[in-house]
Amino acid sequence: RGYSFAHNADALTQWLTQADGDVYAKLHRRAALLDSDKQLAQRLHAYQHRLHALLMLASVIWFAIGFTATYGLMQHSSLNFFLLLVAILGINSVMLLVWLLSLVWHKNTIWLPLNTVFSGSRDSVMQAITQLYVQMAQQPNARWRRGCMTHRLALCGLLGMFVCALLLLTVREYQFTLESTLLNSQHFAKIVAILAWLPQQFGFATPHIATSVFPHEAALWGSLLLGSIVGYGCVPRALAWAFCAWQCRRVMPQLDLSLPYYQNIVQKWQQCV
């Protein structure tokens, strides 16, 4: 693209013909020598920093959305426990289920990062960086990098919900009700027993269906709500994020030596051997 490197590319290619190491090592060494003044490295680092800042901003926004949504749901002093729980965890659970299904029915799609937002000047370096991110979106670990991002944002939203619920339960007095036309107290007892098992494993106190009609049991229902957000929301998302992060480290991207640029360099080395 007409960029002036710190050293002549052809001369470096010729000089590295007899260098030790495999093709990948020699290509990395060639790139480092070409950018010995660190101009390209600094531009790439600045671009990555801007993307990281965007992700941080998105995380704060998701936290605020979760906090605000929960605040709106808990405006009344009398709350239907199951309706509130479904409203808080319903969308998150559906999104997590869709992600799990995508692991089975994975379709290769090209995901373009938000590079156009940060494109700035359309000089040769920025064009190359944009193309680099397009190529990275086609790498095998791209789906895991996308997973890390989406699970991180969802986890921030859930943390916002948890913080808001904890704050409101601390400063306000609520009464929780169980209402249904079709279900009776025995059905509620079974549902609550199943629902309460996981929060109990994390140390959250849970109500007993036989005594939950008394006002002093509202604190236990609030504890069950918080435990459910942690057990059925935050923990699964954190595990999904950790799994994607592990896969990103396991499936590291490699240089595509089939690209004409690399093929030309490798052929020159092979002809000189």
Protein backbone atom coordinates (compact mmCIF):
# COMPACT_ATOMS: atom_id res chain seq x y z
CA ARG A 1 0.00 0.00 0.00
CA GLY A 2 2.98 2.30 -0.39
CA TYR A 3 3.90 2.40 3.31
CA SER A 4 7.56 3.23 4.05
CA PHE A 5 8.95 0.56 6.37
CA ALA A 6 11.95 1.06 8.63
CA HIS A 7 13.93 -1.44 6.48
CA ASN A 8 13.75 -2.69 2.92
CA ALA A 9 11.40 -5.70 2.77
CA ASP A 10 13.17 -7.49 -0.07
CA ALA A 11 16.57 -7.12 1.58
CA LEU A 12 15.23 -8.54 4.84
CA THR A 13 13.65 -11.45 3.01
CA GLN A 14 16.97 -12.25 1.36
CA TRP A 15 18.89 -11.82 4.62
CA LEU A 16 16.61 -14.23 6.50
CA THR A 17 17.00 -17.01 3.93
CA GLN A 18 19.65 -18.82 5.99
CA ALA A 19 18.24 -17.81 9.38
CA ASP A 20 17.41 -20.47 11.95
CA GLY A 21 13.84 -21.45 12.82
CA ASP A 22 10.77 -22.59 10.96
CA VAL A 23 8.76 -20.50 8.53
CA TYR A 24 6.54 -19.00 11.23
CA ALA A 25 9.51 -17.91 13.35
CA LYS A 26 11.24 -16.36 10.34
CA LEU A 27 8.08 -14.50 9.30
CA HIS A 28 7.64 -13.11 12.81
CA ARG A 29 11.27 -12.03 12.89
CA ARG A 30 10.93 -10.42 9.46
CA ALA A 31 7.86 -8.47 10.61
CA ALA A 32 9.61 -7.27 13.76
CA LEU A 33 12.60 -6.06 11.75
CA LEU A 34 10.38 -4.33 9.21
CA ASP A 35 8.74 -2.43 12.06
CA SER A 36 11.88 -1.81 14.08
CA ASP A 37 10.77 1.79 14.70
CA LYS A 38 7.54 0.40 16.28
CA GLN A 39 5.31 2.70 14.25
CA LEU A 40 2.97 -0.07 13.14
CA ALA A 41 2.99 -1.72 16.55
CA GLN A 42 1.98 1.57 18.18
CA ARG A 43 -0.85 2.12 15.71
CA LEU A 44 -2.15 -1.40 16.26
CA HIS A 45 -1.87 -1.01 20.03
CA ALA A 46 -3.81 2.26 19.89
CA TYR A 47 -6.52 0.59 17.79
CA GLN A 48 -6.79 -2.31 20.22
CA HIS A 49 -6.95 0.15 23.12
CA ARG A 50 -9.90 1.90 21.49
CA LEU A 51 -11.72 -1.40 21.02
CA HIS A 52 -11.02 -2.29 24.66
CA ALA A 53 -12.38 1.09 25.75
CA LEU A 54 -15.54 0.42 23.73
CA LEU A 55 -15.96 -2.95 25.43
CA MET A 56 -15.54 -1.32 28.84
CA LEU A 57 -18.15 1.30 27.95
CA ALA A 58 -20.53 -1.40 26.72
CA SER A 59 -20.03 -3.31 29.99
CA VAL A 60 -20.97 -0.23 32.02
CA ILE A 61 -24.03 0.33 29.83
CA TRP A 62 -25.18 -3.26 30.28
CA PHE A 63 -24.71 -2.96 34.05
CA ALA A 64 -26.79 0.21 34.02
CA ILE A 65 -29.49 -1.44 31.89
CA GLY A 66 -29.72 -4.38 34.28
CA PHE A 67 -29.83 -2.06 37.29
CA THR A 68 -32.49 0.21 35.76
CA ALA A 69 -34.67 -2.67 34.54
CA THR A 70 -34.68 -4.31 37.98
CA TYR A 71 -35.43 -0.99 39.64
CA GLY A 72 -38.48 -0.62 37.41
CA LEU A 73 -39.68 -4.15 38.18
CA MET A 74 -39.46 -3.67 41.95
CA GLN A 75 -41.40 -0.42 42.29
CA HIS A 76 -44.38 -2.02 44.02
CA SER A 77 -44.24 -3.18 47.63
CA SER A 78 -46.15 -6.39 46.83
CA LEU A 79 -44.42 -8.59 44.28
CA ASN A 80 -45.37 -11.85 42.63
CA PHE A 81 -42.19 -13.82 43.22
CA PHE A 82 -42.28 -16.04 40.13
CA LEU A 83 -43.27 -13.24 37.76
CA LEU A 84 -40.41 -11.14 39.09
CA LEU A 85 -37.95 -14.01 38.76
CA VAL A 86 -39.02 -14.75 35.18
CA ALA A 87 -38.79 -11.05 34.28
CA ILE A 88 -35.25 -10.85 35.64
CA LEU A 89 -33.83 -14.14 34.35
CA GLY A 90 -36.11 -15.00 31.44
CA ILE A 91 -34.33 -13.22 28.58
CA ASN A 92 -30.90 -14.13 29.91
CA SER A 93 -31.84 -17.82 30.13
CA VAL A 94 -33.21 -17.83 26.57
CA MET A 95 -30.06 -16.15 25.24
CA LEU A 96 -27.87 -18.64 27.06
CA LEU A 97 -29.89 -21.54 25.66
CA VAL A 98 -29.56 -20.12 22.14
CA TRP A 99 -25.78 -19.93 22.62
CA LEU A 100 -25.66 -23.54 23.80
CA LEU A 101 -27.65 -24.63 20.75
CA SER A 102 -25.28 -22.66 18.51
CA LEU A 103 -22.44 -24.86 19.75
CA VAL A 104 -24.21 -27.83 18.19
CA TRP A 105 -25.60 -26.18 15.05
CA HIS A 106 -22.70 -23.91 14.32
CA LYS A 107 -22.81 -22.09 11.02
CA ASN A 108 -19.66 -20.41 9.76
CA THR A 109 -20.38 -16.71 9.49
CA ILE A 110 -18.08 -13.78 9.04
CA TRP A 111 -18.28 -11.48 12.04
CA LEU A 112 -16.90 -8.01 11.46
CA PRO A 113 -15.76 -6.20 14.56
CA LEU A 114 -16.69 -2.59 15.04
CA ASN A 115 -13.63 -1.44 13.13
CA THR A 116 -15.61 0.92 10.90
CA VAL A 117 -16.63 2.89 13.96
CA PHE A 118 -12.97 3.52 14.79
CA SER A 119 -11.63 3.67 11.27
CA GLY A 120 -10.60 7.34 11.53
CA SER A 121 -8.43 8.29 8.59
CA ARG A 122 -8.45 5.87 5.70
CA ASP A 123 -4.69 5.74 5.27
CA SER A 124 -2.77 2.62 4.30
CA VAL A 125 -2.10 1.53 7.88
CA MET A 126 -5.74 1.76 8.94
CA GLN A 127 -6.83 -0.13 5.83
CA ALA A 128 -4.38 -2.90 6.71
CA ILE A 129 -5.63 -3.04 10.31
CA THR A 130 -9.23 -3.24 9.10
CA GLN A 131 -8.33 -6.12 6.79
CA LEU A 132 -6.47 -7.79 9.65
CA TYR A 133 -9.61 -7.82 11.79
CA VAL A 134 -11.65 -9.16 8.89
CA GLN A 135 -9.17 -12.03 8.58
CA MET A 136 -9.29 -12.63 12.33
CA ALA A 137 -13.09 -12.93 12.10
CA GLN A 138 -12.56 -15.93 9.82
CA GLN A 139 -10.21 -17.71 12.21
CA PRO A 140 -11.47 -20.85 14.05
CA ASN A 141 -11.35 -19.13 17.43
CA ALA A 142 -13.46 -16.16 16.31
CA ARG A 143 -16.62 -17.76 17.67
CA TRP A 144 -14.99 -18.11 21.08
CA ARG A 145 -13.87 -14.48 21.09
CA ARG A 146 -17.43 -13.47 20.28
CA GLY A 147 -18.63 -15.72 23.09
CA CYS A 148 -16.27 -14.06 25.58
CA MET A 149 -17.65 -10.67 24.65
CA THR A 150 -21.35 -11.59 24.76
CA HIS A 151 -21.06 -13.52 28.03
CA ARG A 152 -19.13 -10.66 29.59
CA LEU A 153 -21.85 -8.17 28.66
CA ALA A 154 -24.62 -10.48 29.86
CA LEU A 155 -22.78 -11.02 33.13
CA CYS A 156 -22.49 -7.27 33.63
CA GLY A 157 -26.25 -6.96 33.12
CA LEU A 158 -26.89 -9.70 35.67
CA LEU A 159 -24.56 -8.04 38.17
CA GLY A 160 -26.52 -4.84 37.71
CA MET A 161 -29.73 -6.74 38.47
CA PHE A 162 -28.22 -8.33 41.55
CA VAL A 163 -26.87 -5.05 42.93
CA CYS A 164 -30.19 -3.29 42.36
CA ALA A 165 -32.21 -6.10 43.96
CA LEU A 166 -29.85 -6.21 46.94
CA LEU A 167 -30.04 -2.45 47.37
CA LEU A 168 -33.85 -2.30 47.18
CA LEU A 169 -34.31 -5.27 49.49
CA THR A 170 -32.03 -3.52 51.97
CA VAL A 171 -33.74 -0.11 51.99
CA ARG A 172 -37.36 -1.06 51.21
CA GLU A 173 -39.91 -3.43 52.68
CA TYR A 174 -41.45 -5.92 50.28
CA GLN A 175 -44.07 -8.63 50.48
CA PHE A 176 -43.82 -11.57 48.10
CA THR A 177 -46.87 -13.49 46.94
CA LEU A 178 -47.48 -16.77 45.12
CA GLU A 179 -50.58 -16.53 42.98
CA SER A 180 -51.98 -18.99 40.46
CA THR A 181 -55.31 -20.14 39.09
CA LEU A 182 -54.13 -23.65 38.24
CA LEU A 183 -51.46 -24.40 40.87
CA ASN A 184 -52.15 -25.14 44.51
CA SER A 185 -49.94 -25.00 47.59
CA GLN A 186 -48.55 -28.48 47.01
CA HIS A 187 -47.40 -27.51 43.52
CA PHE A 188 -45.78 -24.36 44.91
CA ALA A 189 -44.04 -26.40 47.61
CA LYS A 190 -42.44 -28.68 45.01
CA ILE A 191 -41.43 -25.80 42.74
CA VAL A 192 -39.92 -23.80 45.59
CA ALA A 193 -38.05 -26.85 46.90
CA ILE A 194 -36.50 -27.45 43.48
CA LEU A 195 -35.77 -23.78 42.91
CA ALA A 196 -34.19 -23.31 46.33
CA TRP A 197 -31.72 -26.19 46.07
CA LEU A 198 -29.05 -24.35 44.07
CA PRO A 199 -29.19 -21.05 46.05
CA GLN A 200 -28.83 -23.12 49.22
CA GLN A 201 -25.55 -24.51 47.89
CA PHE A 202 -24.22 -20.93 47.73
CA GLY A 203 -25.29 -20.19 51.30
CA PHE A 204 -28.51 -18.29 50.65
CA ALA A 205 -31.36 -18.75 53.12
CA THR A 206 -34.62 -19.92 51.52
CA PRO A 207 -38.24 -19.90 52.70
CA HIS A 208 -40.38 -22.86 53.70
CA ILE A 209 -43.60 -22.92 51.77
CA ALA A 210 -45.65 -23.82 54.84
CA THR A 211 -44.64 -20.68 56.75
CA SER A 212 -44.02 -18.27 53.90
CA VAL A 213 -47.41 -16.61 54.30
CA PHE A 214 -46.20 -14.74 57.39
CA PRO A 215 -44.70 -11.28 56.88
CA HIS A 216 -41.40 -12.11 58.56
CA GLU A 217 -40.69 -14.67 55.80
CA ALA A 218 -40.33 -11.87 53.21
CA ALA A 219 -36.61 -11.65 53.98
CA LEU A 220 -36.21 -15.32 53.05
CA TRP A 221 -38.03 -14.78 49.77
CA GLY A 222 -35.71 -11.87 49.08
CA SER A 223 -32.75 -14.11 49.86
CA LEU A 224 -34.12 -16.72 47.47
CA LEU A 225 -34.44 -14.05 44.77
CA LEU A 226 -30.82 -13.00 45.20
CA GLY A 227 -29.66 -16.61 45.31
CA SER A 228 -31.58 -17.38 42.13
CA ILE A 229 -29.95 -14.46 40.30
CA VAL A 230 -26.54 -15.75 41.35
CA GLY A 231 -27.19 -19.48 40.86
CA TYR A 232 -29.29 -19.41 37.68
CA GLY A 233 -27.91 -16.25 36.12
CA CYS A 234 -24.42 -15.16 37.14
CA VAL A 235 -22.81 -18.57 37.68
CA PRO A 236 -23.88 -20.13 34.33
CA ARG A 237 -22.76 -16.99 32.50
CA ALA A 238 -19.43 -16.95 34.30
CA LEU A 239 -18.88 -20.62 33.44
CA ALA A 240 -19.77 -19.96 29.79
CA TRP A 241 -17.35 -17.02 29.70
CA ALA A 242 -14.59 -19.13 31.27
CA PHE A 243 -15.20 -21.90 28.73
CA CYS A 244 -14.93 -19.47 25.82
CA ALA A 245 -11.78 -17.91 27.28
CA TRP A 246 -10.23 -21.37 27.64
CA GLN A 247 -11.12 -22.20 24.04
CA CYS A 248 -9.57 -18.93 22.85
CA ARG A 249 -6.29 -19.87 24.49
CA ARG A 250 -6.49 -23.46 23.24
CA VAL A 251 -7.28 -22.56 19.62
CA MET A 252 -4.75 -19.83 18.97
CA PRO A 253 -4.86 -18.23 15.51
CA GLN A 254 -2.03 -18.98 13.10
CA LEU A 255 -0.69 -17.16 10.09
CA ASP A 256 -2.44 -18.32 6.93
CA LEU A 257 0.51 -19.37 4.79
CA SER A 258 -1.79 -19.95 1.83
CA LEU A 259 -2.17 -16.19 1.35
CA PRO A 260 -0.29 -14.96 -1.75
CA TYR A 261 1.82 -12.55 0.31
CA TYR A 262 3.27 -15.31 2.46
CA GLN A 263 3.49 -17.76 -0.44
CA ASN A 264 5.70 -15.33 -2.32
CA ILE A 265 8.08 -14.98 0.64
CA VAL A 266 8.21 -18.72 1.37
CA GLN A 267 8.90 -19.52 -2.30
CA LYS A 268 11.84 -17.09 -2.32
CA TRP A 269 13.30 -18.80 0.72
CA GLN A 270 12.82 -22.24 -0.80
CA GLN A 271 14.45 -21.22 -4.09
CA CYS A 272 17.54 -19.90 -2.29
CA VAL A 273 18.04 -23.02 -0.16
